[in-house]
PDB file of N, CA and C in Angstrom:
ATOM      1  N   UNK A   1       1.332 193.945 160.858  1.00  0.00           N
ATOM      2  CA  UNK A   1       0.565 193.403 161.976  1.00  0.00           C
ATOM      3  C   UNK A   1      -0.488 192.450 161.428  1.00  0.00           C
ATOM      4  N   UNK A   2      -0.545 191.265 162.010  1.00  0.00           N
ATOM      5  CA  UNK A   2      -1.554 190.267 161.639  1.00  0.00           C
ATOM      6  C   UNK A   2      -2.913 190.696 162.205  1.00  0.00           C
ATOM      7  N   UNK A   3      -3.911 190.882 161.356  1.00  0.00           N
ATOM      8  CA  UNK A   3      -5.214 191.340 161.849  1.00  0.00           C
ATOM      9  C   UNK A   3      -5.887 190.334 162.797  1.00  0.00           C
ATOM     10  N   UNK A   4      -5.658 189.045 162.587  1.00  0.00           N
ATOM     11  CA  UNK A   4      -6.252 188.042 163.473  1.00  0.00           C
ATOM     12  C   UNK A   4      -5.641 188.125 164.875  1.00  0.00           C
ATOM     13  N   UNK A   5      -4.322 188.288 164.936  1.00  0.00           N
ATOM     14  CA  UNK A   5      -3.644 188.440 166.229  1.00  0.00           C
ATOM     15  C   UNK A   5      -4.144 189.695 166.933  1.00  0.00           C
ATOM     16  N   UNK A   6      -4.239 190.782 166.196  1.00  0.00           N
ATOM     17  CA  UNK A   6      -4.694 192.047 166.767  1.00  0.00           C
ATOM     18  C   UNK A   6      -6.107 191.909 167.343  1.00  0.00           C
ATOM     19  N   UNK A   7      -6.999 191.263 166.602  1.00  0.00           N
ATOM     20  CA  UNK A   7      -8.376 191.075 167.064  1.00  0.00           C
ATOM     21  C   UNK A   7      -8.404 190.211 168.330  1.00  0.00           C
ATOM     22  N   UNK A   8      -7.580 189.167 168.374  1.00  0.00           N
ATOM     23  CA  UNK A   8      -7.540 188.289 169.544  1.00  0.00           C
ATOM     24  C   UNK A   8      -7.039 189.033 170.773  1.00  0.00           C
ATOM     25  N   UNK A   9      -5.974 189.814 170.612  1.00  0.00           N
ATOM     26  CA  UNK A   9      -5.422 190.571 171.736  1.00  0.00           C
ATOM     27  C   UNK A   9      -6.426 191.615 172.224  1.00  0.00           C
ATOM     28  N   UNK A  10      -7.113 192.266 171.305  1.00  0.00           N
ATOM     29  CA  UNK A  10      -8.113 193.265 171.695  1.00  0.00           C
ATOM     30  C   UNK A  10      -9.258 192.622 172.479  1.00  0.00           C
ATOM     31  N   UNK A  11      -9.682 191.429 172.087  1.00  0.00           N
ATOM     32  CA  UNK A  11     -10.777 190.745 172.779  1.00  0.00           C
ATOM     33  C   UNK A  11     -10.331 190.274 174.159  1.00  0.00           C
ATOM     34  N   UNK A  12      -9.247 189.554 174.229  1.00  0.00           N
ATOM     35  CA  UNK A  12      -8.782 188.985 175.494  1.00  0.00           C
ATOM     36  C   UNK A  12      -8.222 190.063 176.414  1.00  0.00           C
ATOM     37  N   UNK A  13      -7.709 191.141 175.830  1.00  0.00           N
ATOM     38  CA  UNK A  13      -7.112 192.205 176.619  1.00  0.00           C
ATOM     39  C   UNK A  13      -8.096 193.190 177.205  1.00  0.00           C
ATOM     40  N   UNK A  14      -9.380 193.045 176.878  1.00  0.00           N
ATOM     41  CA  UNK A  14     -10.373 193.934 177.489  1.00  0.00           C
ATOM     42  C   UNK A  14     -10.402 193.697 178.991  1.00  0.00           C
ATOM     43  N   UNK A  15     -10.700 194.748 179.712  1.00  0.00           N
ATOM     44  CA  UNK A  15     -10.716 194.656 181.164  1.00  0.00           C
ATOM     45  C   UNK A  15     -11.595 193.501 181.635  1.00  0.00           C
ATOM     46  N   UNK A  16     -11.049 192.632 182.449  1.00  0.00           N
ATOM     47  CA  UNK A  16     -11.671 191.475 183.079  1.00  0.00           C
ATOM     48  C   UNK A  16     -11.860 190.272 182.166  1.00  0.00           C
ATOM     49  N   UNK A  17     -11.705 190.412 180.860  1.00  0.00           N
ATOM     50  CA  UNK A  17     -11.950 189.284 179.950  1.00  0.00           C
ATOM     51  C   UNK A  17     -11.012 188.118 180.252  1.00  0.00           C
ATOM     52  N   UNK A  18      -9.744 188.396 180.447  1.00  0.00           N
ATOM     53  CA  UNK A  18      -8.787 187.325 180.749  1.00  0.00           C
ATOM     54  C   UNK A  18      -9.108 186.623 182.051  1.00  0.00           C
ATOM     55  N   UNK A  19      -9.510 187.386 183.073  1.00  0.00           N
ATOM     56  CA  UNK A  19      -9.862 186.800 184.365  1.00  0.00           C
ATOM     57  C   UNK A  19     -11.105 185.918 184.241  1.00  0.00           C
ATOM     58  N   UNK A  20     -12.066 186.344 183.449  1.00  0.00           N
ATOM     59  CA  UNK A  20     -13.282 185.555 183.235  1.00  0.00           C
ATOM     60  C   UNK A  20     -12.937 184.257 182.514  1.00  0.00           C
ATOM     61  N   UNK A  21     -12.156 184.354 181.461  1.00  0.00           N
ATOM     62  CA  UNK A  21     -11.768 183.162 180.710  1.00  0.00           C
ATOM     63  C   UNK A  21     -10.964 182.199 181.571  1.00  0.00           C
ATOM     64  N   UNK A  22     -10.062 182.733 182.356  1.00  0.00           N
ATOM     65  CA  UNK A  22      -9.242 181.904 183.236  1.00  0.00           C
ATOM     66  C   UNK A  22     -10.112 181.182 184.269  1.00  0.00           C
ATOM     67  N   UNK A  23     -11.084 181.872 184.817  1.00  0.00           N
ATOM     68  CA  UNK A  23     -11.992 181.268 185.790  1.00  0.00           C
ATOM     69  C   UNK A  23     -12.836 180.183 185.143  1.00  0.00           C
ATOM     70  N   UNK A  24     -13.348 180.446 183.949  1.00  0.00           N
ATOM     71  CA  UNK A  24     -14.171 179.452 183.255  1.00  0.00           C
ATOM     72  C   UNK A  24     -13.350 178.267 182.761  1.00  0.00           C
ATOM     73  N   UNK A  25     -12.036 178.440 182.631  1.00  0.00           N
ATOM     74  CA  UNK A  25     -11.177 177.323 182.215  1.00  0.00           C
ATOM     75  C   UNK A  25     -11.157 176.235 183.286  1.00  0.00           C
ATOM     76  N   UNK A  26     -11.411 176.612 184.535  1.00  0.00           N
ATOM     77  CA  UNK A  26     -11.439 175.646 185.637  1.00  0.00           C
ATOM     78  C   UNK A  26     -12.654 174.737 185.535  1.00  0.00           C
ATOM     79  N   UNK A  27     -13.828 175.341 185.275  1.00  0.00           N
ATOM     80  CA  UNK A  27     -15.106 174.617 185.190  1.00  0.00           C
ATOM     81  C   UNK A  27     -16.193 175.628 184.844  1.00  0.00           C
ATOM     82  N   UNK A  28     -17.381 175.154 184.442  1.00  0.00           N
ATOM     83  CA  UNK A  28     -18.497 176.086 184.241  1.00  0.00           C
ATOM     84  C   UNK A  28     -18.858 176.764 185.565  1.00  0.00           C
ATOM     85  N   UNK A  29     -19.355 177.987 185.478  1.00  0.00           N
ATOM     86  CA  UNK A  29     -19.742 178.757 186.660  1.00  0.00           C
ATOM     87  C   UNK A  29     -21.105 179.395 186.444  1.00  0.00           C
ATOM     88  N   UNK A  30     -21.844 179.522 187.545  1.00  0.00           N
ATOM     89  CA  UNK A  30     -23.046 180.345 187.521  1.00  0.00           C
ATOM     90  C   UNK A  30     -22.608 181.801 187.605  1.00  0.00           C
ATOM     91  N   UNK A  31     -23.497 182.705 187.221  1.00  0.00           N
ATOM     92  CA  UNK A  31     -23.181 184.133 187.198  1.00  0.00           C
ATOM     93  C   UNK A  31     -22.653 184.603 188.564  1.00  0.00           C
ATOM     94  N   UNK A  32     -23.353 184.253 189.634  1.00  0.00           N
ATOM     95  CA  UNK A  32     -22.937 184.695 190.974  1.00  0.00           C
ATOM     96  C   UNK A  32     -21.564 184.138 191.345  1.00  0.00           C
ATOM     97  N   UNK A  33     -21.269 182.934 190.904  1.00  0.00           N
ATOM     98  CA  UNK A  33     -19.950 182.344 191.179  1.00  0.00           C
ATOM     99  C   UNK A  33     -18.853 183.128 190.466  1.00  0.00           C
ATOM    100  N   UNK A  34     -19.136 183.548 189.243  1.00  0.00           N
ATOM    101  CA  UNK A  34     -18.155 184.357 188.507  1.00  0.00           C
ATOM    102  C   UNK A  34     -17.917 185.678 189.215  1.00  0.00           C
ATOM    103  N   UNK A  35     -18.985 186.309 189.672  1.00  0.00           N
ATOM    104  CA  UNK A  35     -18.850 187.580 190.389  1.00  0.00           C
ATOM    105  C   UNK A  35     -17.971 187.401 191.622  1.00  0.00           C
ATOM    106  N   UNK A  36     -18.188 186.296 192.358  1.00  0.00           N
ATOM    107  CA  UNK A  36     -17.408 186.038 193.569  1.00  0.00           C
ATOM    108  C   UNK A  36     -15.964 185.655 193.251  1.00  0.00           C
ATOM    109  N   UNK A  37     -15.735 185.033 192.115  1.00  0.00           N
ATOM    110  CA  UNK A  37     -14.397 184.549 191.756  1.00  0.00           C
ATOM    111  C   UNK A  37     -13.480 185.649 191.236  1.00  0.00           C
ATOM    112  N   UNK A  38     -14.062 186.733 190.752  1.00  0.00           N
ATOM    113  CA  UNK A  38     -13.262 187.815 190.175  1.00  0.00           C
ATOM    114  C   UNK A  38     -13.528 189.083 190.987  1.00  0.00           C
ATOM    115  N   UNK A  39     -12.770 189.299 192.070  1.00  0.00           N
ATOM    116  CA  UNK A  39     -12.993 190.460 192.929  1.00  0.00           C
ATOM    117  C   UNK A  39     -12.884 191.779 192.155  1.00  0.00           C
ATOM    118  N   UNK A  40     -13.803 192.689 192.455  1.00  0.00           N
ATOM    119  CA  UNK A  40     -13.781 194.004 191.827  1.00  0.00           C
ATOM    120  C   UNK A  40     -14.578 194.093 190.541  1.00  0.00           C
ATOM    121  N   UNK A  41     -15.094 192.970 190.068  1.00  0.00           N
ATOM    122  CA  UNK A  41     -15.861 192.939 188.819  1.00  0.00           C
ATOM    123  C   UNK A  41     -17.332 193.179 189.115  1.00  0.00           C
ATOM    124  N   UNK A  42     -17.899 194.229 188.527  1.00  0.00           N
ATOM    125  CA  UNK A  42     -19.311 194.542 188.755  1.00  0.00           C
ATOM    126  C   UNK A  42     -20.195 193.620 187.917  1.00  0.00           C
ATOM    127  N   UNK A  43     -21.444 193.460 188.363  1.00  0.00           N
ATOM    128  CA  UNK A  43     -22.407 192.633 187.621  1.00  0.00           C
ATOM    129  C   UNK A  43     -22.604 193.176 186.211  1.00  0.00           C
ATOM    130  N   UNK A  44     -22.679 194.480 186.100  1.00  0.00           N
ATOM    131  CA  UNK A  44     -22.919 195.115 184.798  1.00  0.00           C
ATOM    132  C   UNK A  44     -21.778 194.815 183.818  1.00  0.00           C
ATOM    133  N   UNK A  45     -20.546 194.965 184.281  1.00  0.00           N
ATOM    134  CA  UNK A  45     -19.404 194.714 183.404  1.00  0.00           C
ATOM    135  C   UNK A  45     -19.251 193.222 183.114  1.00  0.00           C
ATOM    136  N   UNK A  46     -19.543 192.370 184.101  1.00  0.00           N
ATOM    137  CA  UNK A  46     -19.499 190.928 183.868  1.00  0.00           C
ATOM    138  C   UNK A  46     -20.499 190.552 182.784  1.00  0.00           C
ATOM    139  N   UNK A  47     -21.704 191.095 182.855  1.00  0.00           N
ATOM    140  CA  UNK A  47     -22.722 190.809 181.823  1.00  0.00           C
ATOM    141  C   UNK A  47     -22.234 191.229 180.450  1.00  0.00           C
ATOM    142  N   UNK A  48     -21.636 192.408 180.367  1.00  0.00           N
ATOM    143  CA  UNK A  48     -21.145 192.918 179.090  1.00  0.00           C
ATOM    144  C   UNK A  48     -20.044 192.014 178.530  1.00  0.00           C
ATOM    145  N   UNK A  49     -19.081 191.664 179.378  1.00  0.00           N
ATOM    146  CA  UNK A  49     -17.969 190.827 178.903  1.00  0.00           C
ATOM    147  C   UNK A  49     -18.456 189.438 178.489  1.00  0.00           C
ATOM    148  N   UNK A  50     -19.378 188.871 179.257  1.00  0.00           N
ATOM    149  CA  UNK A  50     -19.905 187.556 178.894  1.00  0.00           C
ATOM    150  C   UNK A  50     -20.612 187.603 177.542  1.00  0.00           C
ATOM    151  N   UNK A  51     -21.362 188.668 177.290  1.00  0.00           N
ATOM    152  CA  UNK A  51     -22.027 188.808 175.982  1.00  0.00           C
ATOM    153  C   UNK A  51     -20.998 188.910 174.862  1.00  0.00           C
ATOM    154  N   UNK A  52     -19.929 189.675 175.082  1.00  0.00           N
ATOM    155  CA  UNK A  52     -18.877 189.816 174.070  1.00  0.00           C
ATOM    156  C   UNK A  52     -18.170 188.484 173.816  1.00  0.00           C
ATOM    157  N   UNK A  53     -17.852 187.772 174.900  1.00  0.00           N
ATOM    158  CA  UNK A  53     -17.163 186.488 174.754  1.00  0.00           C
ATOM    159  C   UNK A  53     -18.073 185.445 174.120  1.00  0.00           C
ATOM    160  N   UNK A  54     -19.359 185.534 174.408  1.00  0.00           N
ATOM    161  CA  UNK A  54     -20.334 184.634 173.785  1.00  0.00           C
ATOM    162  C   UNK A  54     -20.451 184.947 172.284  1.00  0.00           C
ATOM    163  N   UNK A  55     -20.519 186.226 171.943  1.00  0.00           N
ATOM    164  CA  UNK A  55     -20.613 186.627 170.537  1.00  0.00           C
ATOM    165  C   UNK A  55     -19.377 186.198 169.748  1.00  0.00           C
ATOM    166  N   UNK A  56     -18.225 186.153 170.429  1.00  0.00           N
ATOM    167  CA  UNK A  56     -16.980 185.728 169.775  1.00  0.00           C
ATOM    168  C   UNK A  56     -16.867 184.202 169.697  1.00  0.00           C
ATOM    169  N   UNK A  57     -17.818 183.505 170.315  1.00  0.00           N
ATOM    170  CA  UNK A  57     -17.813 182.049 170.261  1.00  0.00           C
ATOM    171  C   UNK A  57     -16.910 181.382 171.282  1.00  0.00           C
ATOM    172  N   UNK A  58     -16.489 182.124 172.312  1.00  0.00           N
ATOM    173  CA  UNK A  58     -15.592 181.563 173.332  1.00  0.00           C
ATOM    174  C   UNK A  58     -16.342 181.029 174.541  1.00  0.00           C
ATOM    175  N   UNK A  59     -17.530 181.552 174.791  1.00  0.00           N
ATOM    176  CA  UNK A  59     -18.321 181.202 175.968  1.00  0.00           C
ATOM    177  C   UNK A  59     -19.723 180.819 175.520  1.00  0.00           C
ATOM    178  N   UNK A  60     -20.284 179.814 176.199  1.00  0.00           N
ATOM    179  CA  UNK A  60     -21.676 179.457 175.942  1.00  0.00           C
ATOM    180  C   UNK A  60     -22.482 179.625 177.214  1.00  0.00           C
ATOM    181  N   UNK A  61     -23.693 180.061 177.035  1.00  0.00           N
ATOM    182  CA  UNK A  61     -24.613 180.357 178.135  1.00  0.00           C
ATOM    183  C   UNK A  61     -25.668 179.270 178.166  1.00  0.00           C
ATOM    184  N   UNK A  62     -25.942 178.741 179.360  1.00  0.00           N
ATOM    185  CA  UNK A  62     -26.975 177.714 179.518  1.00  0.00           C
ATOM    186  C   UNK A  62     -27.955 178.159 180.590  1.00  0.00           C
ATOM    187  N   UNK A  63     -29.243 178.056 180.268  1.00  0.00           N
ATOM    188  CA  UNK A  63     -30.297 178.402 181.218  1.00  0.00           C
ATOM    189  C   UNK A  63     -30.819 177.098 181.800  1.00  0.00           C
ATOM    190  N   UNK A  64     -30.832 177.016 183.136  1.00  0.00           N
ATOM    191  CA  UNK A  64     -31.273 175.812 183.833  1.00  0.00           C
ATOM    192  C   UNK A  64     -32.657 176.051 184.421  1.00  0.00           C
ATOM    193  N   UNK A  65     -33.528 175.069 184.237  1.00  0.00           N
ATOM    194  CA  UNK A  65     -34.896 175.170 184.749  1.00  0.00           C
ATOM    195  C   UNK A  65     -34.903 175.311 186.263  1.00  0.00           C
ATOM    196  N   UNK A  66     -35.933 175.914 186.732  1.00  0.00           N
ATOM    197  CA  UNK A  66     -36.107 176.095 188.167  1.00  0.00           C
ATOM    198  C   UNK A  66     -36.751 177.427 188.427  1.00  0.00           C
ATOM    199  N   UNK A  67     -37.000 177.663 189.679  1.00  0.00           N
ATOM    200  CA  UNK A  67     -37.587 178.934 190.046  1.00  0.00           C
ATOM    201  C   UNK A  67     -36.734 179.552 191.141  1.00  0.00           C
ATOM    202  N   UNK A  68     -35.995 180.563 190.876  1.00  0.00           N
ATOM    203  CA  UNK A  68     -35.815 181.192 189.561  1.00  0.00           C
ATOM    204  C   UNK A  68     -34.871 180.367 188.680  1.00  0.00           C
ATOM    205  N   UNK A  69     -34.948 180.627 187.391  1.00  0.00           N
ATOM    206  CA  UNK A  69     -34.044 179.959 186.455  1.00  0.00           C
ATOM    207  C   UNK A  69     -32.609 180.400 186.748  1.00  0.00           C
ATOM    208  N   UNK A  70     -31.672 179.474 186.608  1.00  0.00           N
ATOM    209  CA  UNK A  70     -30.264 179.809 186.843  1.00  0.00           C
ATOM    210  C   UNK A  70     -29.531 179.757 185.510  1.00  0.00           C
ATOM    211  N   UNK A  71     -28.533 180.613 185.372  1.00  0.00           N
ATOM    212  CA  UNK A  71     -27.759 180.701 184.140  1.00  0.00           C
ATOM    213  C   UNK A  71     -26.312 180.358 184.456  1.00  0.00           C
ATOM    214  N   UNK A  72     -25.762 179.437 183.675  1.00  0.00           N
ATOM    215  CA  UNK A  72     -24.351 179.100 183.849  1.00  0.00           C
ATOM    216  C   UNK A  72     -23.608 179.413 182.556  1.00  0.00           C
ATOM    217  N   UNK A  73     -22.310 179.547 182.703  1.00  0.00           N
ATOM    218  CA  UNK A  73     -21.442 179.873 181.575  1.00  0.00           C
ATOM    219  C   UNK A  73     -20.289 178.880 181.544  1.00  0.00           C
ATOM    220  N   UNK A  74     -19.916 178.478 180.339  1.00  0.00           N
ATOM    221  CA  UNK A  74     -18.814 177.534 180.154  1.00  0.00           C
ATOM    222  C   UNK A  74     -18.063 177.922 178.885  1.00  0.00           C
ATOM    223  N   UNK A  75     -16.827 177.489 178.806  1.00  0.00           N
ATOM    224  CA  UNK A  75     -16.059 177.719 177.586  1.00  0.00           C
ATOM    225  C   UNK A  75     -16.531 176.773 176.498  1.00  0.00           C
ATOM    226  N   UNK A  76     -16.556 177.249 175.291  1.00  0.00           N
ATOM    227  CA  UNK A  76     -16.825 176.416 174.128  1.00  0.00           C
ATOM    228  C   UNK A  76     -15.524 175.713 173.747  1.00  0.00           C
ATOM    229  N   UNK A  77     -15.575 174.906 172.726  1.00  0.00           N
ATOM    230  CA  UNK A  77     -14.347 174.273 172.225  1.00  0.00           C
ATOM    231  C   UNK A  77     -13.331 175.346 171.823  1.00  0.00           C
ATOM    232  N   UNK A  78     -13.827 176.377 171.168  1.00  0.00           N
ATOM    233  CA  UNK A  78     -12.962 177.499 170.767  1.00  0.00           C
ATOM    234  C   UNK A  78     -12.344 178.175 171.988  1.00  0.00           C
ATOM    235  N   UNK A  79     -13.116 178.364 173.035  1.00  0.00           N
ATOM    236  CA  UNK A  79     -12.618 178.967 174.262  1.00  0.00           C
ATOM    237  C   UNK A  79     -11.614 178.071 174.972  1.00  0.00           C
ATOM    238  N   UNK A  80     -11.902 176.760 175.011  1.00  0.00           N
ATOM    239  CA  UNK A  80     -10.972 175.821 175.645  1.00  0.00           C
ATOM    240  C   UNK A  80      -9.644 175.760 174.904  1.00  0.00           C
ATOM    241  N   UNK A  81      -9.673 176.026 173.611  1.00  0.00           N
ATOM    242  CA  UNK A  81      -8.439 176.016 172.819  1.00  0.00           C
ATOM    243  C   UNK A  81      -7.480 177.131 173.248  1.00  0.00           C
ATOM    244  N   UNK A  82      -7.988 178.135 173.959  1.00  0.00           N
ATOM    245  CA  UNK A  82      -7.147 179.213 174.494  1.00  0.00           C
ATOM    246  C   UNK A  82      -6.356 178.767 175.721  1.00  0.00           C
ATOM    247  N   UNK A  83      -6.708 177.635 176.300  1.00  0.00           N
ATOM    248  CA  UNK A  83      -6.089 177.149 177.530  1.00  0.00           C
ATOM    249  C   UNK A  83      -4.569 177.185 177.530  1.00  0.00           C
ATOM    250  N   UNK A  84      -3.907 176.595 176.543  1.00  0.00           N
ATOM    251  CA  UNK A  84      -2.443 176.616 176.538  1.00  0.00           C
ATOM    252  C   UNK A  84      -1.868 178.034 176.463  1.00  0.00           C
ATOM    253  N   UNK A  85      -2.485 178.910 175.703  1.00  0.00           N
ATOM    254  CA  UNK A  85      -1.991 180.288 175.599  1.00  0.00           C
ATOM    255  C   UNK A  85      -2.161 181.017 176.931  1.00  0.00           C
ATOM    256  N   UNK A  86      -3.309 180.833 177.585  1.00  0.00           N
ATOM    257  CA  UNK A  86      -3.534 181.472 178.886  1.00  0.00           C
ATOM    258  C   UNK A  86      -2.561 180.937 179.930  1.00  0.00           C
ATOM    259  N   UNK A  87      -2.316 179.639 179.885  1.00  0.00           N
ATOM    260  CA  UNK A  87      -1.377 179.024 180.822  1.00  0.00           C
ATOM    261  C   UNK A  87       0.032 179.583 180.634  1.00  0.00           C
ATOM    262  N   UNK A  88       0.460 179.715 179.395  1.00  0.00           N
ATOM    263  CA  UNK A  88       1.781 180.288 179.113  1.00  0.00           C
ATOM    264  C   UNK A  88       1.869 181.740 179.574  1.00  0.00           C
ATOM    265  N   UNK A  89       0.800 182.487 179.365  1.00  0.00           N
ATOM    266  CA  UNK A  89       0.780 183.884 179.801  1.00  0.00           C
ATOM    267  C   UNK A  89       0.862 183.985 181.330  1.00  0.00           C
ATOM    268  N   UNK A  90       0.137 183.091 182.033  1.00  0.00           N
ATOM    269  CA  UNK A  90       0.213 183.064 183.497  1.00  0.00           C
ATOM    270  C   UNK A  90       1.645 182.759 183.953  1.00  0.00           C
ATOM    271  N   UNK A  91       2.263 181.759 183.327  1.00  0.00           N
ATOM    272  CA  UNK A  91       3.642 181.396 183.682  1.00  0.00           C
ATOM    273  C   UNK A  91       4.585 182.571 183.448  1.00  0.00           C
ATOM    274  N   UNK A  92       4.434 183.233 182.324  1.00  0.00           N
ATOM    275  CA  UNK A  92       5.275 184.386 181.994  1.00  0.00           C
ATOM    276  C   UNK A  92       5.087 185.494 183.029  1.00  0.00           C
ATOM    277  N   UNK A  93       3.832 185.770 183.394  1.00  0.00           N
ATOM    278  CA  UNK A  93       3.541 186.830 184.364  1.00  0.00           C
ATOM    279  C   UNK A  93       4.135 186.506 185.733  1.00  0.00           C
ATOM    280  N   UNK A  94       4.037 185.241 186.137  1.00  0.00           N
ATOM    281  CA  UNK A  94       4.634 184.841 187.431  1.00  0.00           C
ATOM    282  C   UNK A  94       6.159 184.961 187.391  1.00  0.00           C
ATOM    283  N   UNK A  95       6.744 184.505 186.294  1.00  0.00           N
ATOM    284  CA  UNK A  95       8.197 184.520 186.159  1.00  0.00           C
ATOM    285  C   UNK A  95       8.733 185.950 186.220  1.00  0.00           C
ATOM    286  N   UNK A  96       8.035 186.877 185.617  1.00  0.00           N
ATOM    287  CA  UNK A  96       8.505 188.266 185.554  1.00  0.00           C
ATOM    288  C   UNK A  96       7.841 189.149 186.612  1.00  0.00           C
ATOM    289  N   UNK A  97       7.078 188.550 187.520  1.00  0.00           N
ATOM    290  CA  UNK A  97       6.490 189.252 188.674  1.00  0.00           C
ATOM    291  C   UNK A  97       5.763 190.541 188.279  1.00  0.00           C
ATOM    292  N   UNK A  98       4.823 190.401 187.361  1.00  0.00           N
ATOM    293  CA  UNK A  98       4.106 191.581 186.879  1.00  0.00           C
ATOM    294  C   UNK A  98       3.100 192.132 187.874  1.00  0.00           C
ATOM    295  N   UNK A  99       2.758 191.367 188.896  1.00  0.00           N
ATOM    296  CA  UNK A  99       1.788 191.877 189.875  1.00  0.00           C
ATOM    297  C   UNK A  99       2.438 192.827 190.874  1.00  0.00           C
ATOM    298  N   UNK A 100       3.745 192.905 190.880  1.00  0.00           N
ATOM    299  CA  UNK A 100       4.465 193.765 191.837  1.00  0.00           C
ATOM    300  C   UNK A 100       4.371 195.226 191.481  1.00  0.00           C
TER     301      UNK A 100
END
């Protein structure tokens, strides 16, 4: 087993991580937008996953001035590089009807 592959699957395979990455692949999102875009995802778990994805270098956090300050999240170059793999996985899942 390739340790790099194993680490990647463990990171992306965590609950909600793939959905978060897929949503951020569309465009940067504010925290509340992410919560609304991924039904069933709690604020607490979203915060945890975003911190993990940020620590892995896939997501970057930006604080915007204002009152109150707003925080947005976007994919880094490393995160955007996952785009083709996520797209292939989506195609595979649709083809084999895994949501059924």
